[in-house]
Structure formats: C-alpha cells, structure tokens
C-alpha atoms as a PDB file:
ATOM      1  CA  MET A   1      -8.773   1.943  26.477  1.00  0.00           C
ATOM      2  CA  ASN A   2      -8.375   4.738  23.965  1.00  0.00           C
ATOM      3  CA  PRO A   3     -11.727   6.436  24.103  1.00  0.00           C
ATOM      4  CA  ARG A   4     -12.251   6.204  20.287  1.00  0.00           C
ATOM      5  CA  PHE A   5     -13.253   2.548  20.845  1.00  0.00           C
ATOM      6  CA  GLU A   6     -15.030   2.775  24.353  1.00  0.00           C
ATOM      7  CA  ASN A   7     -18.394   1.599  22.451  1.00  0.00           C
ATOM      8  CA  LEU A   8     -17.097  -0.623  19.786  1.00  0.00           C
ATOM      9  CA  PRO A   9     -16.238  -3.924  20.397  1.00  0.00           C
ATOM     10  CA  LEU A  10     -12.880  -5.510  20.128  1.00  0.00           C
ATOM     11  CA  GLY A  11     -11.901  -6.250  16.140  1.00  0.00           C
ATOM     12  CA  ALA A  12     -13.794  -2.628  15.210  1.00  0.00           C
ATOM     13  CA  SER A  13     -10.936  -2.570  12.403  1.00  0.00           C
ATOM     14  CA  ALA A  14     -12.143  -5.930  10.679  1.00  0.00           C
ATOM     15  CA  SER A  15     -13.875  -4.349   8.084  1.00  0.00           C
ATOM     16  CA  LEU A  16     -10.402  -2.731   6.475  1.00  0.00           C
ATOM     17  CA  ALA A  17      -8.179  -5.907   7.004  1.00  0.00           C
ATOM     18  CA  GLY A  18      -9.249  -7.205   3.599  1.00  0.00           C
ATOM     19  CA  VAL A  19      -6.429  -9.321   2.939  1.00  0.00           C
ATOM     20  CA  ARG A  20      -7.229 -12.853   2.009  1.00  0.00           C
ATOM     21  CA  PRO A  21      -5.831 -15.845  -0.105  1.00  0.00           C
ATOM     22  CA  PRO A  22      -5.839 -16.126  -3.914  1.00  0.00           C
ATOM     23  CA  THR A  23      -8.948 -17.952  -5.134  1.00  0.00           C
ATOM     24  CA  ALA A  24      -8.635 -20.863  -7.588  1.00  0.00           C
ATOM     25  CA  GLU A  25      -9.196 -18.823 -10.368  1.00  0.00           C
ATOM     26  CA  GLU A  26      -6.627 -16.178  -9.643  1.00  0.00           C
ATOM     27  CA  LEU A  27      -4.113 -18.808  -9.135  1.00  0.00           C
ATOM     28  CA  ALA A  28      -4.503 -20.441 -12.260  1.00  0.00           C
ATOM     29  CA  GLY A  29      -3.929 -16.723 -14.067  1.00  0.00           C
ATOM     30  CA  MET A  30      -0.689 -15.754 -11.926  1.00  0.00           C
ATOM     31  CA  ASP A  31       2.898 -16.832 -12.906  1.00  0.00           C
ATOM     32  CA  ILE A  32       4.965 -15.414  -9.668  1.00  0.00           C
ATOM     33  CA  GLU A  33       8.495 -17.023  -8.196  1.00  0.00           C
ATOM     34  CA  THR A  34       9.372 -17.122  -5.202  1.00  0.00           C
ATOM     35  CA  VAL A  35      13.115 -16.402  -4.300  1.00  0.00           C
ATOM     36  CA  PRO A  36      14.725 -19.199  -2.235  1.00  0.00           C
ATOM     37  CA  ALA A  37      15.686 -18.419   1.370  1.00  0.00           C
ATOM     38  CA  ASP A  38      19.291 -18.823   0.550  1.00  0.00           C
ATOM     39  CA  ALA A  39      19.366 -16.793  -2.462  1.00  0.00           C
ATOM     40  CA  PRO A  40      21.660 -13.859  -2.683  1.00  0.00           C
ATOM     41  CA  HIS A  41      20.587 -10.878  -4.220  1.00  0.00           C
ATOM     42  CA  PRO A  42      21.169 -10.159  -7.719  1.00  0.00           C
ATOM     43  CA  SER A  43      22.945  -6.399  -6.428  1.00  0.00           C
ATOM     44  CA  GLY A  44      24.889  -8.727  -4.724  1.00  0.00           C
ATOM     45  CA  LEU A  45      24.464  -6.872  -1.373  1.00  0.00           C
ATOM     46  CA  THR A  46      24.944  -8.935   1.529  1.00  0.00           C
ATOM     47  CA  ALA A  47      24.119  -8.531   5.120  1.00  0.00           C
ATOM     48  CA  GLU A  48      27.375  -6.308   6.461  1.00  0.00           C
ATOM     49  CA  ASP A  49      26.298  -3.691   3.145  1.00  0.00           C
ATOM     50  CA  ILE A  50      22.759  -2.889   5.166  1.00  0.00           C
ATOM     51  CA  PRO A  51      22.386   0.123   6.890  1.00  0.00           C
ATOM     52  CA  THR A  52      20.912   0.400  10.093  1.00  0.00           C
ATOM     53  CA  ASP A  53      18.309   3.068   9.051  1.00  0.00           C
ATOM     54  CA  PHE A  54      16.764   2.974   5.378  1.00  0.00           C
ATOM     55  CA  ASP A  55      13.645   5.278   4.366  1.00  0.00           C
ATOM     56  CA  ALA A  56      12.364   5.207   0.640  1.00  0.00           C
ATOM     57  CA  ARG A  57      10.984   8.532   0.910  1.00  0.00           C
ATOM     58  CA  THR A  58      14.928   9.515   1.307  1.00  0.00           C
ATOM     59  CA  GLY A  59      16.579   6.901  -0.144  1.00  0.00           C
ATOM     60  CA  PHE A  60      15.044   7.492  -3.683  1.00  0.00           C
ATOM     61  CA  PRO A  61      15.830  10.655  -4.964  1.00  0.00           C
ATOM     62  CA  GLY A  62      13.155  12.652  -7.206  1.00  0.00           C
ATOM     63  CA  CYS A  63      10.409   9.873  -6.113  1.00  0.00           C
ATOM     64  CA  GLU A  64       9.899  11.431  -2.716  1.00  0.00           C
ATOM     65  CA  LYS A  65       6.584  12.787  -3.592  1.00  0.00           C
ATOM     66  CA  VAL A  66       5.492   9.479  -5.111  1.00  0.00           C
ATOM     67  CA  ILE A  67       7.066   6.821  -2.098  1.00  0.00           C
ATOM     68  CA  GLY A  68       5.661   9.892   0.833  1.00  0.00           C
ATOM     69  CA  ASP A  69       2.323   9.657  -0.435  1.00  0.00           C
ATOM     70  CA  ILE A  70      -0.315   8.286   1.949  1.00  0.00           C
ATOM     71  CA  ARG A  71      -3.726   7.408   1.087  1.00  0.00           C
ATOM     72  CA  ASP A  72      -7.339   6.256   2.606  1.00  0.00           C
ATOM     73  CA  GLN A  73      -9.123   3.425   1.730  1.00  0.00           C
ATOM     74  CA  SER A  74     -12.391   4.966   3.201  1.00  0.00           C
ATOM     75  CA  MET A  75     -14.497   2.147   4.983  1.00  0.00           C
ATOM     76  CA  CYS A  76     -13.514  -0.569   1.897  1.00  0.00           C
ATOM     77  CA  GLY A  77     -11.449  -3.551   2.579  1.00  0.00           C
ATOM     78  CA  CYS A  78      -9.373  -2.854  -0.298  1.00  0.00           C
ATOM     79  CA  CYS A  79      -5.932  -2.510   1.506  1.00  0.00           C
ATOM     80  CA  TRP A  80      -4.579  -4.929  -0.965  1.00  0.00           C
ATOM     81  CA  ALA A  81      -4.962  -2.996  -3.959  1.00  0.00           C
ATOM     82  CA  PHE A  82      -3.676  -0.070  -2.210  1.00  0.00           C
ATOM     83  CA  GLY A  83      -0.900  -1.572  -1.029  1.00  0.00           C
ATOM     84  CA  THR A  84      -0.071  -2.606  -4.718  1.00  0.00           C
ATOM     85  CA  ALA A  85      -0.796   0.403  -6.540  1.00  0.00           C
ATOM     86  CA  GLU A  86       1.378   2.440  -4.033  1.00  0.00           C
ATOM     87  CA  ALA A  87       4.699   0.269  -4.071  1.00  0.00           C
ATOM     88  CA  ALA A  88       3.618  -0.352  -8.158  1.00  0.00           C
ATOM     89  CA  SER A  89       3.626   3.272  -8.270  1.00  0.00           C
ATOM     90  CA  ASP A  90       6.800   3.708  -6.669  1.00  0.00           C
ATOM     91  CA  ARG A  91       8.723   1.248  -8.358  1.00  0.00           C
ATOM     92  CA  LEU A  92       7.644   2.831 -11.966  1.00  0.00           C
ATOM     93  CA  CYS A  93       8.796   6.194 -10.441  1.00  0.00           C
ATOM     94  CA  ILE A  94      12.559   4.760  -9.422  1.00  0.00           C
ATOM     95  CA  SER A  95      12.854   2.897 -12.229  1.00  0.00           C
ATOM     96  CA  SER A  96      12.318   5.936 -14.439  1.00  0.00           C
ATOM     97  CA  LYS A  97      14.698   7.819 -12.550  1.00  0.00           C
ATOM     98  CA  GLY A  98      12.007  10.115 -11.777  1.00  0.00           C
ATOM     99  CA  LYS A  99      10.272  11.019 -15.126  1.00  0.00           C
ATOM    100  CA  TYR A 100       7.141   8.592 -14.352  1.00  0.00           C
ATOM    101  CA  ALA A 101       6.319  10.396 -10.648  1.00  0.00           C
ATOM    102  CA  VAL A 102       2.446   9.540 -11.216  1.00  0.00           C
ATOM    103  CA  PRO A 103       0.187   7.746  -8.811  1.00  0.00           C
ATOM    104  CA  LEU A 104      -1.484   4.727  -9.899  1.00  0.00           C
ATOM    105  CA  SER A 105      -4.792   3.934  -9.377  1.00  0.00           C
ATOM    106  CA  SER A 106      -6.341   2.175  -6.237  1.00  0.00           C
ATOM    107  CA  THR A 107      -9.435   2.551  -7.704  1.00  0.00           C
ATOM    108  CA  ASP A 108      -8.345   0.559 -11.272  1.00  0.00           C
ATOM    109  CA  VAL A 109      -6.982  -1.940  -9.337  1.00  0.00           C
ATOM    110  CA  CYS A 110      -9.646  -2.413  -6.417  1.00  0.00           C
ATOM    111  CA  PHE A 111     -12.494  -2.752  -9.013  1.00  0.00           C
ATOM    112  CA  ASN A 112     -11.496  -3.776 -12.008  1.00  0.00           C
ATOM    113  CA  SER A 113      -9.077  -6.882 -10.758  1.00  0.00           C
ATOM    114  CA  ASN A 114     -11.383  -8.118  -8.421  1.00  0.00           C
ATOM    115  CA  PRO A 115     -15.512  -7.970  -8.516  1.00  0.00           C
ATOM    116  CA  ASP A 116     -16.068  -7.206  -4.969  1.00  0.00           C
ATOM    117  CA  GLY A 117     -12.658  -5.502  -3.847  1.00  0.00           C
ATOM    118  CA  CYS A 118     -14.053  -3.992  -0.791  1.00  0.00           C
ATOM    119  CA  ASN A 119     -14.777  -7.477   0.545  1.00  0.00           C
ATOM    120  CA  GLY A 120     -11.031  -8.597  -0.099  1.00  0.00           C
ATOM    121  CA  GLY A 121      -8.242  -9.780  -2.351  1.00  0.00           C
ATOM    122  CA  SER A 122      -4.950 -10.791  -2.615  1.00  0.00           C
ATOM    123  CA  PRO A 123      -1.965  -8.247  -3.500  1.00  0.00           C
ATOM    124  CA  ASP A 124      -0.240 -11.457  -5.302  1.00  0.00           C
ATOM    125  CA  ALA A 125      -3.654 -11.433  -7.750  1.00  0.00           C
ATOM    126  CA  ALA A 126      -3.186  -7.592  -7.893  1.00  0.00           C
ATOM    127  CA  TRP A 127       0.691  -7.626  -8.960  1.00  0.00           C
ATOM    128  CA  SER A 128      -0.261 -10.033 -11.680  1.00  0.00           C
ATOM    129  CA  TRP A 129      -3.170  -8.191 -12.960  1.00  0.00           C
ATOM    130  CA  ILE A 130      -1.148  -4.935 -13.314  1.00  0.00           C
ATOM    131  CA  LYS A 131       1.413  -7.135 -15.149  1.00  0.00           C
ATOM    132  CA  GLU A 132      -1.427  -8.833 -17.689  1.00  0.00           C
ATOM    133  CA  ASN A 133      -3.904  -5.486 -17.877  1.00  0.00           C
ATOM    134  CA  GLY A 134      -1.747  -2.253 -17.090  1.00  0.00           C
ATOM    135  CA  VAL A 135      -3.486   0.423 -14.407  1.00  0.00           C
ATOM    136  CA  VAL A 136      -4.413   3.997 -15.469  1.00  0.00           C
ATOM    137  CA  SER A 137      -3.044   6.827 -12.910  1.00  0.00           C
ATOM    138  CA  GLY A 138      -5.409   7.604 -10.053  1.00  0.00           C
ATOM    139  CA  LYS A 139      -4.891   9.794  -7.096  1.00  0.00           C
ATOM    140  CA  GLN A 140      -7.366  10.002  -3.593  1.00  0.00           C
ATOM    141  CA  GLN A 141     -10.648  12.013  -3.712  1.00  0.00           C
ATOM    142  CA  GLU A 142     -10.276  15.747  -3.394  1.00  0.00           C
ATOM    143  CA  PHE A 143     -10.769  17.311   0.063  1.00  0.00           C
ATOM    144  CA  LYS A 144     -14.852  18.203   0.544  1.00  0.00           C
ATOM    145  CA  ALA A 145     -15.520  21.591   0.790  1.00  0.00           C
ATOM    146  CA  GLY A 146     -15.765  23.078   4.200  1.00  0.00           C
ATOM    147  CA  THR A 147     -13.157  20.158   5.434  1.00  0.00           C
ATOM    148  CA  LYS A 148     -10.662  21.724   8.075  1.00  0.00           C
ATOM    149  CA  GLY A 149      -7.238  21.846   6.987  1.00  0.00           C
ATOM    150  CA  SER A 150      -5.666  21.675   4.044  1.00  0.00           C
ATOM    151  CA  ASP A 151      -5.483  18.478   1.524  1.00  0.00           C
ATOM    152  CA  PRO A 152      -2.403  16.724   2.196  1.00  0.00           C
ATOM    153  CA  ASP A 153      -2.406  14.588  -1.397  1.00  0.00           C
ATOM    154  CA  PRO A 154       0.705  15.577  -2.868  1.00  0.00           C
ATOM    155  CA  PHE A 155      -1.100  15.042  -6.439  1.00  0.00           C
ATOM    156  CA  ALA A 156      -4.086  16.932  -5.176  1.00  0.00           C
ATOM    157  CA  GLY A 157      -4.940  19.502  -8.125  1.00  0.00           C
ATOM    158  CA  SER A 158      -3.061  17.373 -10.447  1.00  0.00           C
ATOM    159  CA  SER A 159      -4.888  15.349 -14.079  1.00  0.00           C
ATOM    160  CA  THR A 160      -5.301  11.814 -13.147  1.00  0.00           C
ATOM    161  CA  CYS A 161      -7.771   8.771 -14.721  1.00  0.00           C
ATOM    162  CA  SER A 162      -9.461   7.538 -12.263  1.00  0.00           C
ATOM    163  CA  ASP A 163      -9.570   9.037  -8.812  1.00  0.00           C
ATOM    164  CA  PHE A 164     -10.301   7.209  -5.477  1.00  0.00           C
ATOM    165  CA  PRO A 165     -14.372   7.580  -5.229  1.00  0.00           C
ATOM    166  CA  LEU A 166     -15.260   6.877  -1.690  1.00  0.00           C
ATOM    167  CA  PRO A 167     -15.007   9.313   1.373  1.00  0.00           C
ATOM    168  CA  HIS A 168     -11.814   9.907   3.537  1.00  0.00           C
ATOM    169  CA  CYS A 169     -12.595   8.715   7.298  1.00  0.00           C
ATOM    170  CA  HIS A 170     -10.987   8.442  10.719  1.00  0.00           C
ATOM    171  CA  HIS A 171     -10.398   5.172  11.403  1.00  0.00           C
ATOM    172  CA  HIS A 172      -8.239   4.223  14.273  1.00  0.00           C
ATOM    173  CA  GLY A 173      -6.319   5.315  16.901  1.00  0.00           C
ATOM    174  CA  PRO A 174      -7.203   8.918  18.967  1.00  0.00           C
ATOM    175  CA  ILE A 175      -8.598  11.478  16.773  1.00  0.00           C
ATOM    176  CA  ARG A 176      -5.832  14.482  16.985  1.00  0.00           C
ATOM    177  CA  ASP A 177      -6.087  16.978  14.131  1.00  0.00           C
ATOM    178  CA  ASP A 178      -7.630  14.531  11.870  1.00  0.00           C
ATOM    179  CA  PRO A 179     -10.574  16.518  10.246  1.00  0.00           C
ATOM    180  CA  PHE A 180     -12.484  13.388   8.881  1.00  0.00           C
ATOM    181  CA  PRO A 181     -15.881  11.379  10.101  1.00  0.00           C
ATOM    182  CA  SER A 182     -15.261   8.361  11.865  1.00  0.00           C
ATOM    183  CA  GLU A 183     -15.950   4.613  10.536  1.00  0.00           C
ATOM    184  CA  GLY A 184     -19.463   3.844  10.738  1.00  0.00           C
ATOM    185  CA  SER A 185     -21.144   7.400  10.979  1.00  0.00           C
ATOM    186  CA  ALA A 186     -22.855   9.278   8.205  1.00  0.00           C
ATOM    187  CA  GLY A 187     -20.078  10.745   6.430  1.00  0.00           C
ATOM    188  CA  CYS A 188     -17.869   7.680   6.415  1.00  0.00           C
ATOM    189  CA  PRO A 189     -21.048   4.546   5.910  1.00  0.00           C
ATOM    190  CA  SER A 190     -19.772   0.876   4.789  1.00  0.00           C
ATOM    191  CA  GLN A 191     -18.830   0.863   1.726  1.00  0.00           C
ATOM    192  CA  LYS A 192     -20.100  -1.537  -1.289  1.00  0.00           C
ATOM    193  CA  SER A 193     -17.916  -2.112  -4.268  1.00  0.00           C
ATOM    194  CA  PRO A 194     -18.676   0.394  -6.860  1.00  0.00           C
ATOM    195  CA  ALA A 195     -18.674  -0.965 -10.826  1.00  0.00           C
ATOM    196  CA  GLY A 196     -14.576  -0.766 -12.022  1.00  0.00           C
ATOM    197  CA  PRO A 197     -13.818   2.453 -13.997  1.00  0.00           C
ATOM    198  CA  LYS A 198     -14.168   1.897 -17.600  1.00  0.00           C
ATOM    199  CA  GLU A 199     -13.461   5.485 -18.700  1.00  0.00           C
ATOM    200  CA  CYS A 200     -11.478   8.416 -16.656  1.00  0.00           C
ATOM    201  CA  ASP A 201     -13.220  10.372 -14.525  1.00  0.00           C
ATOM    202  CA  SER A 202     -15.437  13.423 -15.962  1.00  0.00           C
ATOM    203  CA  GLY A 203     -13.159  16.180 -15.184  1.00  0.00           C
ATOM    204  CA  SER A 204      -9.680  14.263 -16.338  1.00  0.00           C
ATOM    205  CA  SER A 205      -8.261  15.276 -19.641  1.00  0.00           C
ATOM    206  CA  LEU A 206      -6.767  11.766 -20.219  1.00  0.00           C
ATOM    207  CA  LYS A 207      -8.345   8.421 -21.906  1.00  0.00           C
ATOM    208  CA  TYR A 208      -8.531   5.360 -20.115  1.00  0.00           C
ATOM    209  CA  ALA A 209      -7.611   3.423 -22.819  1.00  0.00           C
ATOM    210  CA  SER A 210      -4.214   5.035 -23.455  1.00  0.00           C
ATOM    211  CA  ASP A 211      -3.335   5.665 -20.187  1.00  0.00           C
ATOM    212  CA  LYS A 212      -2.012   2.245 -19.048  1.00  0.00           C
ATOM    213  CA  TYR A 213       1.503   1.433 -17.206  1.00  0.00           C
ATOM    214  CA  THR A 214       2.049  -2.049 -17.308  1.00  0.00           C
ATOM    215  CA  PHE A 215       5.308  -4.104 -17.341  1.00  0.00           C
ATOM    216  CA  THR A 216       6.957  -7.064 -18.741  1.00  0.00           C
ATOM    217  CA  GLY A 217       8.737  -9.164 -16.666  1.00  0.00           C
ATOM    218  CA  SER A 218       8.235 -11.184 -13.281  1.00  0.00           C
ATOM    219  CA  VAL A 219       6.558 -11.065 -10.167  1.00  0.00           C
ATOM    220  CA  LYS A 220       8.297 -12.070  -7.305  1.00  0.00           C
ATOM    221  CA  ARG A 221       8.223 -12.948  -3.694  1.00  0.00           C
ATOM    222  CA  VAL A 222      11.107 -11.754  -2.210  1.00  0.00           C
ATOM    223  CA  GLY A 223      10.512 -12.349   1.584  1.00  0.00           C
ATOM    224  CA  GLN A 224      12.107 -15.216   2.511  1.00  0.00           C
ATOM    225  CA  ASN A 225      15.024 -13.794   3.877  1.00  0.00           C
ATOM    226  CA  GLU A 226      15.702 -10.600   5.778  1.00  0.00           C
ATOM    227  CA  THR A 227      18.945  -9.720   3.876  1.00  0.00           C
ATOM    228  CA  TYR A 228      17.425 -10.117   0.416  1.00  0.00           C
ATOM    229  CA  LEU A 229      14.330  -8.181   0.917  1.00  0.00           C
ATOM    230  CA  GLN A 230      16.110  -4.985   2.357  1.00  0.00           C
ATOM    231  CA  SER A 231      18.330  -5.163  -0.641  1.00  0.00           C
ATOM    232  CA  GLU A 232      15.459  -5.607  -2.656  1.00  0.00           C
ATOM    233  CA  ILE A 233      13.810  -2.208  -1.108  1.00  0.00           C
ATOM    234  CA  MET A 234      17.156  -0.618  -1.380  1.00  0.00           C
ATOM    235  CA  THR A 235      17.531  -1.575  -4.990  1.00  0.00           C
ATOM    236  CA  ASN A 236      14.554  -1.163  -6.537  1.00  0.00           C
ATOM    237  CA  GLY A 237      12.157   0.244  -4.197  1.00  0.00           C
ATOM    238  CA  PRO A 238       9.004  -0.500  -1.793  1.00  0.00           C
ATOM    239  CA  VAL A 239       6.810  -3.942  -1.641  1.00  0.00           C
ATOM    240  CA  THR A 240       3.470  -5.061  -0.918  1.00  0.00           C
ATOM    241  CA  VAL A 241       3.185  -6.948   2.638  1.00  0.00           C
ATOM    242  CA  ALA A 242       0.510  -8.127   4.516  1.00  0.00           C
ATOM    243  CA  PHE A 243       0.579  -8.730   8.348  1.00  0.00           C
ATOM    244  CA  THR A 244      -2.196 -10.455  10.506  1.00  0.00           C
ATOM    245  CA  VAL A 245      -4.145  -7.247  12.925  1.00  0.00           C
ATOM    246  CA  TYR A 246      -4.905  -7.961  16.211  1.00  0.00           C
ATOM    247  CA  SER A 247      -7.155  -5.263  18.176  1.00  0.00           C
ATOM    248  CA  ASP A 248      -4.389  -4.120  19.945  1.00  0.00           C
ATOM    249  CA  PHE A 249      -3.256  -2.905  16.613  1.00  0.00           C
ATOM    250  CA  GLU A 250      -6.507  -0.384  16.829  1.00  0.00           C
ATOM    251  CA  ASN A 251      -4.599   1.928  19.905  1.00  0.00           C
ATOM    252  CA  TYR A 252      -1.339   2.413  17.458  1.00  0.00           C
ATOM    253  CA  ALA A 253      -0.969   6.409  17.866  1.00  0.00           C
ATOM    254  CA  GLY A 254       2.967   6.465  17.572  1.00  0.00           C
ATOM    255  CA  GLY A 255       6.365   4.528  18.225  1.00  0.00           C
ATOM    256  CA  VAL A 256       7.351   0.950  17.703  1.00  0.00           C
ATOM    257  CA  TYR A 257       4.211  -1.311  17.830  1.00  0.00           C
ATOM    258  CA  VAL A 258       4.554  -4.781  19.065  1.00  0.00           C
ATOM    259  CA  HIS A 259       1.695  -7.143  19.356  1.00  0.00           C
ATOM    260  CA  THR A 260       0.861  -8.019  22.897  1.00  0.00           C
ATOM    261  CA  THR A 261      -2.616  -8.824  23.852  1.00  0.00           C
ATOM    262  CA  GLY A 262      -6.473  -8.957  21.679  1.00  0.00           C
ATOM    263  CA  LYS A 263      -7.641 -11.383  18.975  1.00  0.00           C
ATOM    264  CA  MET A 264      -7.116 -11.218  15.515  1.00  0.00           C
ATOM    265  CA  ALA A 265      -9.139  -9.161  13.702  1.00  0.00           C
ATOM    266  CA  GLY A 266      -7.953 -10.637  10.502  1.00  0.00           C
ATOM    267  CA  GLY A 267      -5.276  -9.670   7.880  1.00  0.00           C
ATOM    268  CA  HIS A 268      -4.160  -6.241   6.583  1.00  0.00           C
ATOM    269  CA  ALA A 269      -2.168  -5.678   3.430  1.00  0.00           C
ATOM    270  CA  VAL A 270       0.120  -2.442   3.472  1.00  0.00           C
ATOM    271  CA  LYS A 271       3.662  -0.831   1.933  1.00  0.00           C
ATOM    272  CA  LEU A 272       6.914  -1.580   3.191  1.00  0.00           C
ATOM    273  CA  MET A 273       9.369   1.206   2.297  1.00  0.00           C
ATOM    274  CA  GLY A 274      12.164   0.589   5.737  1.00  0.00           C
ATOM    275  CA  TRP A 275      13.475   0.019   8.705  1.00  0.00           C
ATOM    276  CA  GLY A 276      15.414   1.219  11.269  1.00  0.00           C
ATOM    277  CA  THR A 277      16.530   0.655  15.076  1.00  0.00           C
ATOM    278  CA  ASP A 278      14.650   3.142  17.950  1.00  0.00           C
ATOM    279  CA  SER A 279      16.203   2.719  21.282  1.00  0.00           C
ATOM    280  CA  GLY A 280      17.922  -0.608  20.656  1.00  0.00           C
ATOM    281  CA  THR A 281      14.789  -2.401  19.036  1.00  0.00           C
ATOM    282  CA  ASP A 282      14.637  -3.178  15.117  1.00  0.00           C
ATOM    283  CA  TYR A 283      11.627  -2.014  13.135  1.00  0.00           C
ATOM    284  CA  TRP A 284      10.093  -2.252   9.790  1.00  0.00           C
ATOM    285  CA  LEU A 285       8.708   1.218   8.372  1.00  0.00           C
ATOM    286  CA  VAL A 286       5.424   1.132   6.920  1.00  0.00           C
ATOM    287  CA  ALA A 287       3.123   3.336   4.600  1.00  0.00           C
ATOM    288  CA  ASN A 288      -0.771   2.794   5.784  1.00  0.00           C
ATOM    289  CA  SER A 289      -3.571   3.459   3.934  1.00  0.00           C
ATOM    290  CA  TRP A 290      -5.624   4.936   6.705  1.00  0.00           C
ATOM    291  CA  ASN A 291      -5.194   8.803   6.124  1.00  0.00           C
ATOM    292  CA  PRO A 292      -1.920  11.098   6.272  1.00  0.00           C
ATOM    293  CA  TYR A 293      -3.091  12.269   9.680  1.00  0.00           C
ATOM    294  CA  TRP A 294      -3.641   8.594  11.411  1.00  0.00           C
ATOM    295  CA  GLY A 295      -0.445   6.894  13.446  1.00  0.00           C
ATOM    296  CA  GLU A 296       2.843   8.562  11.936  1.00  0.00           C
ATOM    297  CA  LYS A 297       1.809  10.551   9.803  1.00  0.00           C
ATOM    298  CA  GLY A 298      -0.006   8.033   7.910  1.00  0.00           C
ATOM    299  CA  ALA A 299       2.907   5.219   8.605  1.00  0.00           C
ATOM    300  CA  PHE A 300       3.738   3.452  11.475  1.00  0.00           C
ATOM    301  CA  ARG A 301       6.814   1.338  12.724  1.00  0.00           C
ATOM    302  CA  ILE A 302       6.297  -2.543  13.577  1.00  0.00           C
ATOM    303  CA  LYS A 303       8.766  -4.426  15.471  1.00  0.00           C
ATOM    304  CA  ARG A 304      11.241  -6.479  13.193  1.00  0.00           C
ATOM    305  CA  GLY A 305      11.731 -10.370  13.061  1.00  0.00           C
ATOM    306  CA  GLU A 306       9.866 -13.532  12.386  1.00  0.00           C
ATOM    307  CA  LYS A 307       8.395 -13.784  15.769  1.00  0.00           C
ATOM    308  CA  PHE A 308       7.558 -10.015  16.049  1.00  0.00           C
ATOM    309  CA  ASP A 309       5.843  -8.569  12.977  1.00  0.00           C
ATOM    310  CA  CYS A 310       2.982 -10.741  12.304  1.00  0.00           C
ATOM    311  CA  GLY A 311       3.697 -12.407   9.433  1.00  0.00           C
ATOM    312  CA  MET A 312       4.803  -9.050   7.369  1.00  0.00           C
ATOM    313  CA  ALA A 313       8.242  -9.720   5.968  1.00  0.00           C
ATOM    314  CA  GLU A 314       7.712 -13.305   4.652  1.00  0.00           C
ATOM    315  CA  SER A 315       4.479 -12.055   2.532  1.00  0.00           C
ATOM    316  CA  ALA A 316       6.204  -9.433   0.408  1.00  0.00           C
ATOM    317  CA  VAL A 317       5.607  -9.430  -3.049  1.00  0.00           C
ATOM    318  CA  ALA A 318       6.546  -6.894  -6.013  1.00  0.00           C
ATOM    319  CA  SER A 319       7.574  -6.674  -9.663  1.00  0.00           C
ATOM    320  CA  SER A 320      11.175  -7.926 -10.023  1.00  0.00           C
ATOM    321  CA  GLY A 321      13.552  -5.801 -10.316  1.00  0.00           C
ATOM    322  CA  ASP A 322      14.377  -6.212 -13.920  1.00  0.00           C
ATOM    323  CA  VAL A 323      11.180  -5.245 -14.919  1.00  0.00           C
ATOM    324  CA  VAL A 324      10.746  -3.084 -18.333  1.00  0.00           C
ATOM    325  CA  TRP A 325       7.627  -0.854 -17.506  1.00  0.00           C
ATOM    326  CA  SER A 326       5.819   0.677 -20.534  1.00  0.00           C
ATOM    327  CA  PRO A 327       4.012   3.843 -19.657  1.00  0.00           C
ATOM    328  CA  PRO A 328       1.245   5.186 -21.831  1.00  0.00           C
ATOM    329  CA  LYS A 329       4.262   6.713 -24.404  1.00  0.00           C
ATOM    330  CA  PRO A 330       5.617   5.126 -27.040  1.00  0.00           C
ATOM    331  CA  ASP A 331       8.625   5.296 -25.377  1.00  0.00           C
ATOM    332  CA  GLN A 332       9.521   2.499 -23.054  1.00  0.00           C
ATOM    333  CA  LEU A 333      11.477   2.646 -19.738  1.00  0.00           C
END
C-alpha cells in the first residue's frame, strides 16, 4: 500500500474518472463516423510500416511544445474535456505544420459544452462541440506565489483567452517532488462546475468571440484496429481515448502498468500519443491530466493489447485527418 492511500478507501480516484456515455441529447447532435475494423488507413501505411516505438512529442517537429503540454484537471471530473482539448491542440498544430502552436481551452470545452462538466462528460460529445462551436485558447492556471519549484507549463506567461481556473493538486501515487496540495485538502477541495466562460480572462489581450478555433470535416472513432490507430497517430497526431480505471492504477509511479487487482473506480479520458516496447512488453504511451509531477513526468505507459489496455484502444476518437481547421484569422489552414 502506498503511504498516500493509507487512510483512504480503494477507489479514491473515482472523482477524477469522469467519462460517461453520451446522453440522448448529445447523441442527437453528433455526426461521428466509426472506421470499420478492416479498413485500410488513408495514408497507405500497413502493419509492416509501423515502427516498434513512436512518440508524437518527437514525431512532429515544431509541435513538441504543444504535444508535451501536461495539464492538471484539479479535483474535477473533466478528464473528458482535457483529453479532447489536448488532442485538438495537437492536431491543430500538426495540421498547420507548427504555425498554430497554441493550447486550446479545457475550460471552454468542459464548462460550455456541458452544464456540469466536473461531474463527467463524453469525449465524443466534446469533439462534436468543438466542430460546431469552436474553442478558444487557454492554458493551465499559473503557479501561486510561494509554490516550490518552477512552473512546468510550457505556455506560462503567454496570453491566452480562457485559462483553467481551478487549483493544481497532487493526485495519486508517491508525492516525490510534487509541490501541490493533495486532493481533499484545504488547498484542493472537491470542485463544483463554474459557469462556462463568455469572455476572455481579465488579463487577456484577446476577445472571446473572435478567438475561436474550429474545423470543418468529420469526427471519427479510429480504434477498431491497432494498425489503423497507430497509422492515424503517426500521420495526424494524438487522439482522445477512455479506459477503465481500477484502484491499483492509483499506485502508479512509473513503468508499464498492467491491471492485476482492485475494483473499478470509473472511466477516465486521456490523450494517446504513442507506443513502444519495454523488455518485451508492448505498451501505449499516454498523457494524463494529473499534473507534470505525476507518473513519468505526467505521462504513463499501459500494456498494449485488447486484453490489457482496459478498453483504451477501442475508444479512440479524433477529428479526421482531412479536416480543415479555421483559426481566428482571415486565412484557413
């Protein structure tokens, strides 16, 4: 038992596991394609073309800063908005060949696409909302004065529209050099959903109505075939995925996670950005939203394969590779 959880019940991470199926209302507004399991990837890549290891952070030069951005969802179950806003930021940057290297706002997605985003949501619905409504720029909340260490946010100090307003927290696993207060403490209470932003933050130089990034084209579920999914990430960038969280995941500190014991805590959405093999064990490389001090500098690896990844691969969803992004400028990508 990790000392962090000595006085906590199994499943303490449930408040962060905010993925749920789409509601009937959300389904009615969606237009999402599911790629058949036997479909070849449009890039023409086949299983023989897939490398043993791939990391989108180094695979897309010019977008390292965006793809490597690890965020913090605070004690709020809006993982579904974080995983989607992060993957959308990556795909915007990759599509523009690095011209638009900006973080898209988790706040805008979480609280404007959903009246109670901290209580859970759907990545499918989040992608559809970005397509229909657009999303403004937004980074993490800044470090508070007196916090030990330097702010790891690569966009700290930059002007964005709607930054995430809720506090940084230490989530799960060993504390190590994590400077943030633990969940449930006075510095990181359980959060209720604030009203969605209608204007940019008071210190921003941007205007909410004119800072929208959106796209035309389709949203696709791309995880029915592992080769297709790998080809999609190599060609167009990271995707949003959801997986079942079990209580043994709460003790993750590094290495390749394999679920072995513990009860189900809920569904968690994250960003899938690569894969590899470690001592003969195939894994997926994933960016979490539990701050950059958690796990492997904010990321984790999970054993790859239908029987081991807790449903992760099959849930993958993202904008199609041929969408046209419309930034808040006269030109289109």
